Amino acid sequence: NAFTELYKKSGKSLPEQPHCGLGLVKTNIGHLETAAGIAGVLKVLLSMKHKTLPGLLHFSTLNPYIQLQESPFYLVTETKPWLSLIDAAGKKIPRRAGASSFSYGGANAHIVLEEYEERLTPVAGASNQLLVLSAKNNERLKAYAQQMVNYLEKQPDIVLPNLVYTLQVGREAMEERLAMVVSNVGDVVDKLTQYVQGQ
């Protein structure tokens, strides 16, 4: 009824194909009583992270009182990719999901979650960047530099201007400091490795 009203208010009719999947975490792990709500939220977050709708485990028959015909809803009976919807202008709509929890005492809660989409804006003249690190002493600074090397070797596609900005603004400046001009992630790895090796 709510979806019908919303479509009516926006001057649209309900889509012919259902587009809103329904699932439960209870079929996978049972009823967690006071933790049921957070389990549902975690399921939604993991589904968004992996862009996958997990199928209902142990599901065989739909309750006859639940009538999904001519509605935007369908049961996610099998695991499948969670594809983004496209609006009328051809623009991708972020994945959104609701998680509900109904307690034995009659209280209930519902939360709507939307996936985070990083919007990268190119930085003009970003060829040379100032990378800064700091720590309480030289030993900790070298350990920090090594951790940064290990991280960057696993994340070669990291956006360098974002990394250096975070290191400049989002970290406390401590006693022992290191600064270097870098032009790309490979350059950062090379220079930090040289520093760790005492060059």
C-alpha atoms as a PDB file:
ATOM      1  CA  ASN A   1       0.000   0.000   0.000  1.00  0.00           C
ATOM      2  CA  ALA A   2       2.810   2.401   0.891  1.00  0.00           C
ATOM      3  CA  PHE A   3       4.637   1.778  -2.392  1.00  0.00           C
ATOM      4  CA  THR A   4       1.403   2.191  -4.369  1.00  0.00           C
ATOM      5  CA  GLU A   5       0.820   5.534  -2.652  1.00  0.00           C
ATOM      6  CA  LEU A   6       4.400   6.676  -3.268  1.00  0.00           C
ATOM      7  CA  TYR A   7       4.234   5.786  -6.942  1.00  0.00           C
ATOM      8  CA  LYS A   8       0.885   7.542  -7.233  1.00  0.00           C
ATOM      9  CA  LYS A   9       2.264  10.727  -5.623  1.00  0.00           C
ATOM     10  CA  SER A  10       5.199  10.751  -8.051  1.00  0.00           C
ATOM     11  CA  GLY A  11       2.856  10.327 -11.027  1.00  0.00           C
ATOM     12  CA  LYS A  12       4.063   6.832 -11.886  1.00  0.00           C
ATOM     13  CA  SER A  13       2.478   3.419 -11.969  1.00  0.00           C
ATOM     14  CA  LEU A  14       3.918   0.366 -10.228  1.00  0.00           C
ATOM     15  CA  PRO A  15       6.552  -1.366 -12.389  1.00  0.00           C
ATOM     16  CA  GLU A  16       5.512  -4.601 -14.045  1.00  0.00           C
ATOM     17  CA  GLN A  17       8.651  -6.396 -12.846  1.00  0.00           C
ATOM     18  CA  PRO A  18       9.259  -6.640  -9.062  1.00  0.00           C
ATOM     19  CA  HIS A  19      12.447  -4.782  -8.100  1.00  0.00           C
ATOM     20  CA  CYS A  20      12.565  -4.906  -4.295  1.00  0.00           C
ATOM     21  CA  GLY A  21      13.970  -8.168  -2.922  1.00  0.00           C
ATOM     22  CA  LEU A  22      12.827  -9.484   0.456  1.00  0.00           C
ATOM     23  CA  GLY A  23      15.097 -11.575   2.647  1.00  0.00           C
ATOM     24  CA  LEU A  24      15.633 -12.688   6.209  1.00  0.00           C
ATOM     25  CA  VAL A  25      18.720 -13.290   8.301  1.00  0.00           C
ATOM     26  CA  LYS A  26      16.693 -15.475  10.681  1.00  0.00           C
ATOM     27  CA  THR A  27      16.626 -18.368   8.178  1.00  0.00           C
ATOM     28  CA  ASN A  28      20.448 -18.469   8.317  1.00  0.00           C
ATOM     29  CA  ILE A  29      21.183 -18.023  12.016  1.00  0.00           C
ATOM     30  CA  GLY A  30      17.901 -18.349  13.873  1.00  0.00           C
ATOM     31  CA  HIS A  31      16.183 -15.720  16.009  1.00  0.00           C
ATOM     32  CA  LEU A  32      18.743 -13.793  18.033  1.00  0.00           C
ATOM     33  CA  GLU A  33      16.156 -12.018  20.188  1.00  0.00           C
ATOM     34  CA  THR A  34      17.762  -8.726  21.277  1.00  0.00           C
ATOM     35  CA  ALA A  35      20.528  -9.035  18.640  1.00  0.00           C
ATOM     36  CA  ALA A  36      18.148  -9.729  15.736  1.00  0.00           C
ATOM     37  CA  GLY A  37      18.119  -6.118  14.532  1.00  0.00           C
ATOM     38  CA  ILE A  38      21.882  -5.695  14.386  1.00  0.00           C
ATOM     39  CA  ALA A  39      22.203  -9.077  12.642  1.00  0.00           C
ATOM     40  CA  GLY A  40      19.848  -7.771   9.935  1.00  0.00           C
ATOM     41  CA  VAL A  41      21.867  -4.559   9.592  1.00  0.00           C
ATOM     42  CA  LEU A  42      25.117  -6.539   9.284  1.00  0.00           C
ATOM     43  CA  LYS A  43      23.562  -8.744   6.613  1.00  0.00           C
ATOM     44  CA  VAL A  44      22.548  -5.647   4.623  1.00  0.00           C
ATOM     45  CA  LEU A  45      26.022  -4.075   4.960  1.00  0.00           C
ATOM     46  CA  LEU A  46      27.745  -7.289   3.843  1.00  0.00           C
ATOM     47  CA  SER A  47      25.298  -7.609   0.943  1.00  0.00           C
ATOM     48  CA  MET A  48      26.153  -4.059  -0.144  1.00  0.00           C
ATOM     49  CA  LYS A  49      29.884  -4.655   0.241  1.00  0.00           C
ATOM     50  CA  HIS A  50      29.774  -7.793  -1.924  1.00  0.00           C
ATOM     51  CA  LYS A  51      26.987  -6.473  -4.217  1.00  0.00           C
ATOM     52  CA  THR A  52      25.186  -9.770  -3.666  1.00  0.00           C
ATOM     53  CA  LEU A  53      21.673 -10.661  -2.496  1.00  0.00           C
ATOM     54  CA  PRO A  54      21.958 -13.826  -0.371  1.00  0.00           C
ATOM     55  CA  GLY A  55      19.225 -16.390  -0.900  1.00  0.00           C
ATOM     56  CA  LEU A  56      16.854 -17.552   1.817  1.00  0.00           C
ATOM     57  CA  LEU A  57      18.205 -20.660   3.488  1.00  0.00           C
ATOM     58  CA  HIS A  58      15.728 -23.441   4.389  1.00  0.00           C
ATOM     59  CA  PHE A  59      12.875 -21.684   2.547  1.00  0.00           C
ATOM     60  CA  SER A  60      10.224 -23.871   0.927  1.00  0.00           C
ATOM     61  CA  THR A  61       6.705 -22.396   1.192  1.00  0.00           C
ATOM     62  CA  LEU A  62       5.475 -18.815   1.335  1.00  0.00           C
ATOM     63  CA  ASN A  63       2.945 -17.943   4.021  1.00  0.00           C
ATOM     64  CA  PRO A  64      -0.451 -17.788   2.214  1.00  0.00           C
ATOM     65  CA  TYR A  65      -1.238 -14.474   3.946  1.00  0.00           C
ATOM     66  CA  ILE A  66       1.723 -12.822   2.187  1.00  0.00           C
ATOM     67  CA  GLN A  67       0.576 -11.832  -1.280  1.00  0.00           C
ATOM     68  CA  LEU A  68       3.295 -10.326  -3.441  1.00  0.00           C
ATOM     69  CA  GLN A  69       1.489 -10.414  -6.782  1.00  0.00           C
ATOM     70  CA  GLU A  70       1.246  -7.010  -8.501  1.00  0.00           C
ATOM     71  CA  SER A  71       3.661  -5.510  -5.982  1.00  0.00           C
ATOM     72  CA  PRO A  72       7.254  -4.299  -6.336  1.00  0.00           C
ATOM     73  CA  PHE A  73       8.409  -7.131  -4.023  1.00  0.00           C
ATOM     74  CA  TYR A  74       9.863 -10.582  -4.613  1.00  0.00           C
ATOM     75  CA  LEU A  75      11.490 -13.151  -2.332  1.00  0.00           C
ATOM     76  CA  VAL A  76      15.221 -13.621  -2.810  1.00  0.00           C
ATOM     77  CA  THR A  77      15.114 -17.408  -2.856  1.00  0.00           C
ATOM     78  CA  GLU A  78      18.547 -17.849  -4.483  1.00  0.00           C
ATOM     79  CA  THR A  79      21.815 -15.957  -4.089  1.00  0.00           C
ATOM     80  CA  LYS A  80      22.331 -13.566  -6.994  1.00  0.00           C
ATOM     81  CA  PRO A  81      24.216 -10.384  -7.926  1.00  0.00           C
ATOM     82  CA  TRP A  82      22.690  -7.197  -6.513  1.00  0.00           C
ATOM     83  CA  LEU A  83      22.418  -5.048  -9.601  1.00  0.00           C
ATOM     84  CA  SER A  84      21.919  -1.299  -9.316  1.00  0.00           C
ATOM     85  CA  LEU A  85      18.650   0.131 -10.564  1.00  0.00           C
ATOM     86  CA  ILE A  86      18.706   2.817 -13.257  1.00  0.00           C
ATOM     87  CA  ASP A  87      16.485   5.911 -13.118  1.00  0.00           C
ATOM     88  CA  ALA A  88      14.561   7.454 -16.023  1.00  0.00           C
ATOM     89  CA  ALA A  89      17.581   9.607 -16.957  1.00  0.00           C
ATOM     90  CA  GLY A  90      19.809   6.525 -17.214  1.00  0.00           C
ATOM     91  CA  LYS A  91      21.661   7.339 -13.989  1.00  0.00           C
ATOM     92  CA  LYS A  92      22.598   4.554 -11.559  1.00  0.00           C
ATOM     93  CA  ILE A  93      20.585   4.587  -8.318  1.00  0.00           C
ATOM     94  CA  PRO A  94      22.592   3.684  -5.194  1.00  0.00           C
ATOM     95  CA  ARG A  95      21.704   0.358  -3.605  1.00  0.00           C
ATOM     96  CA  ARG A  96      19.305   0.875  -0.698  1.00  0.00           C
ATOM     97  CA  ALA A  97      17.874  -1.537   1.829  1.00  0.00           C
ATOM     98  CA  GLY A  98      15.640  -1.506   4.860  1.00  0.00           C
ATOM     99  CA  ALA A  99      16.298  -3.611   7.943  1.00  0.00           C
ATOM    100  CA  SER A 100      13.445  -4.230  10.361  1.00  0.00           C
ATOM    101  CA  SER A 101      13.369  -5.716  13.828  1.00  0.00           C
ATOM    102  CA  PHE A 102      10.220  -6.567  15.772  1.00  0.00           C
ATOM    103  CA  SER A 103      10.587  -7.485  19.433  1.00  0.00           C
ATOM    104  CA  TYR A 104       8.500  -9.836  21.525  1.00  0.00           C
ATOM    105  CA  GLY A 105       7.400  -6.875  23.628  1.00  0.00           C
ATOM    106  CA  GLY A 106       5.804  -5.102  20.682  1.00  0.00           C
ATOM    107  CA  ALA A 107       8.526  -2.503  20.002  1.00  0.00           C
ATOM    108  CA  ASN A 108       9.857  -2.347  16.473  1.00  0.00           C
ATOM    109  CA  ALA A 109      12.542  -0.507  14.558  1.00  0.00           C
ATOM    110  CA  HIS A 110      13.265   0.053  10.891  1.00  0.00           C
ATOM    111  CA  ILE A 111      16.364   1.571   9.327  1.00  0.00           C
ATOM    112  CA  VAL A 112      17.057   2.451   5.704  1.00  0.00           C
ATOM    113  CA  LEU A 113      20.663   2.081   4.551  1.00  0.00           C
ATOM    114  CA  GLU A 114      22.206   3.382   1.334  1.00  0.00           C
ATOM    115  CA  GLU A 115      25.522   2.283  -0.118  1.00  0.00           C
ATOM    116  CA  TYR A 116      28.414   4.719  -0.012  1.00  0.00           C
ATOM    117  CA  GLU A 117      29.728   5.678  -3.405  1.00  0.00           C
ATOM    118  CA  GLU A 118      33.093   7.370  -3.465  1.00  0.00           C
ATOM    119  CA  ARG A 119      33.052  10.359  -5.758  1.00  0.00           C
ATOM    120  CA  LEU A 120      36.568  11.012  -6.899  1.00  0.00           C
ATOM    121  CA  THR A 121      37.321  14.488  -8.172  1.00  0.00           C
ATOM    122  CA  PRO A 122      40.511  14.897 -10.154  1.00  0.00           C
ATOM    123  CA  VAL A 123      43.054  17.161  -8.495  1.00  0.00           C
ATOM    124  CA  ALA A 124      44.562  19.730 -10.841  1.00  0.00           C
ATOM    125  CA  GLY A 125      48.348  19.733 -11.016  1.00  0.00           C
ATOM    126  CA  ALA A 126      48.604  16.669  -8.790  1.00  0.00           C
ATOM    127  CA  SER A 127      51.884  15.391 -10.238  1.00  0.00           C
ATOM    128  CA  ASN A 128      53.963  16.169  -7.128  1.00  0.00           C
ATOM    129  CA  GLN A 129      52.549  15.651  -3.651  1.00  0.00           C
ATOM    130  CA  LEU A 130      53.953  16.207  -0.168  1.00  0.00           C
ATOM    131  CA  LEU A 131      53.692  13.033   1.907  1.00  0.00           C
ATOM    132  CA  VAL A 132      54.228  13.395   5.663  1.00  0.00           C
ATOM    133  CA  LEU A 133      54.502  10.831   8.446  1.00  0.00           C
ATOM    134  CA  SER A 134      55.206  11.278  12.143  1.00  0.00           C
ATOM    135  CA  ALA A 135      55.654   9.121  15.231  1.00  0.00           C
ATOM    136  CA  LYS A 136      56.842   9.392  18.839  1.00  0.00           C
ATOM    137  CA  ASN A 137      60.398   8.273  18.022  1.00  0.00           C
ATOM    138  CA  ASN A 138      62.596   7.141  15.120  1.00  0.00           C
ATOM    139  CA  GLU A 139      61.956   3.428  15.743  1.00  0.00           C
ATOM    140  CA  ARG A 140      58.169   3.910  15.607  1.00  0.00           C
ATOM    141  CA  LEU A 141      58.469   6.125  12.527  1.00  0.00           C
ATOM    142  CA  LYS A 142      60.348   3.396  10.658  1.00  0.00           C
ATOM    143  CA  ALA A 143      57.729   0.839  11.753  1.00  0.00           C
ATOM    144  CA  TYR A 144      54.966   3.194  10.569  1.00  0.00           C
ATOM    145  CA  ALA A 145      56.727   3.680   7.229  1.00  0.00           C
ATOM    146  CA  GLN A 146      57.011  -0.110   6.818  1.00  0.00           C
ATOM    147  CA  GLN A 147      53.298  -0.514   7.589  1.00  0.00           C
ATOM    148  CA  MET A 148      52.539   2.109   4.948  1.00  0.00           C
ATOM    149  CA  VAL A 149      54.685   0.221   2.402  1.00  0.00           C
ATOM    150  CA  ASN A 150      52.887  -3.054   3.205  1.00  0.00           C
ATOM    151  CA  TYR A 151      49.493  -1.352   2.848  1.00  0.00           C
ATOM    152  CA  LEU A 152      50.326   0.393  -0.440  1.00  0.00           C
ATOM    153  CA  GLU A 153      51.679  -2.810  -1.987  1.00  0.00           C
ATOM    154  CA  LYS A 154      48.217  -4.328  -1.430  1.00  0.00           C
ATOM    155  CA  GLN A 155      46.380  -1.137  -2.525  1.00  0.00           C
ATOM    156  CA  PRO A 156      48.259   0.072  -5.638  1.00  0.00           C
ATOM    157  CA  ASP A 157      45.151   1.830  -6.999  1.00  0.00           C
ATOM    158  CA  ILE A 158      44.795   4.181  -4.027  1.00  0.00           C
ATOM    159  CA  VAL A 159      44.294   7.827  -5.029  1.00  0.00           C
ATOM    160  CA  LEU A 160      47.533   9.578  -4.082  1.00  0.00           C
ATOM    161  CA  PRO A 161      46.050  13.086  -3.449  1.00  0.00           C
ATOM    162  CA  ASN A 162      43.526  11.523  -1.033  1.00  0.00           C
ATOM    163  CA  LEU A 163      46.266   9.622   0.797  1.00  0.00           C
ATOM    164  CA  VAL A 164      48.566  12.618   1.250  1.00  0.00           C
ATOM    165  CA  TYR A 165      45.671  14.855   2.292  1.00  0.00           C
ATOM    166  CA  THR A 166      44.625  12.406   5.004  1.00  0.00           C
ATOM    167  CA  LEU A 167      48.214  12.098   6.257  1.00  0.00           C
ATOM    168  CA  GLN A 168      48.594  15.896   6.340  1.00  0.00           C
ATOM    169  CA  VAL A 169      45.254  16.806   7.918  1.00  0.00           C
ATOM    170  CA  GLY A 170      43.885  13.714   9.633  1.00  0.00           C
ATOM    171  CA  ARG A 171      46.906  12.674  11.692  1.00  0.00           C
ATOM    172  CA  GLU A 172      48.468  14.146  14.800  1.00  0.00           C
ATOM    173  CA  ALA A 173      51.937  15.620  14.217  1.00  0.00           C
ATOM    174  CA  MET A 174      54.317  13.898  16.642  1.00  0.00           C
ATOM    175  CA  GLU A 175      57.954  14.428  17.662  1.00  0.00           C
ATOM    176  CA  GLU A 176      59.742  12.424  14.942  1.00  0.00           C
ATOM    177  CA  ARG A 177      58.754  13.489  11.412  1.00  0.00           C
ATOM    178  CA  LEU A 178      59.346  12.499   7.825  1.00  0.00           C
ATOM    179  CA  ALA A 179      58.397  14.459   4.711  1.00  0.00           C
ATOM    180  CA  MET A 180      58.967  13.642   1.057  1.00  0.00           C
ATOM    181  CA  VAL A 181      57.812  14.800  -2.355  1.00  0.00           C
ATOM    182  CA  VAL A 182      56.218  11.953  -4.328  1.00  0.00           C
ATOM    183  CA  SER A 183      54.563  11.707  -7.731  1.00  0.00           C
ATOM    184  CA  ASN A 184      52.741   8.341  -7.599  1.00  0.00           C
ATOM    185  CA  VAL A 185      52.109   5.349  -5.335  1.00  0.00           C
ATOM    186  CA  GLY A 186      55.145   3.475  -6.671  1.00  0.00           C
ATOM    187  CA  ASP A 187      57.281   6.485  -5.817  1.00  0.00           C
ATOM    188  CA  VAL A 188      55.899   6.455  -2.247  1.00  0.00           C
ATOM    189  CA  VAL A 189      56.702   2.739  -1.858  1.00  0.00           C
ATOM    190  CA  ASP A 190      60.250   3.201  -3.235  1.00  0.00           C
ATOM    191  CA  LYS A 191      61.094   6.208  -1.045  1.00  0.00           C
ATOM    192  CA  LEU A 192      59.583   4.755   2.118  1.00  0.00           C
ATOM    193  CA  THR A 193      61.436   1.481   1.520  1.00  0.00           C
ATOM    194  CA  GLN A 194      64.709   3.415   1.153  1.00  0.00           C
ATOM    195  CA  TYR A 195      63.949   5.278   4.389  1.00  0.00           C
ATOM    196  CA  VAL A 196      63.195   2.029   6.280  1.00  0.00           C
ATOM    197  CA  GLN A 197      66.481   0.579   4.989  1.00  0.00           C
ATOM    198  CA  GLY A 198      68.356   3.610   6.334  1.00  0.00           C
ATOM    199  CA  GLN A 199      69.151   5.220   2.988  1.00  0.00           C
END
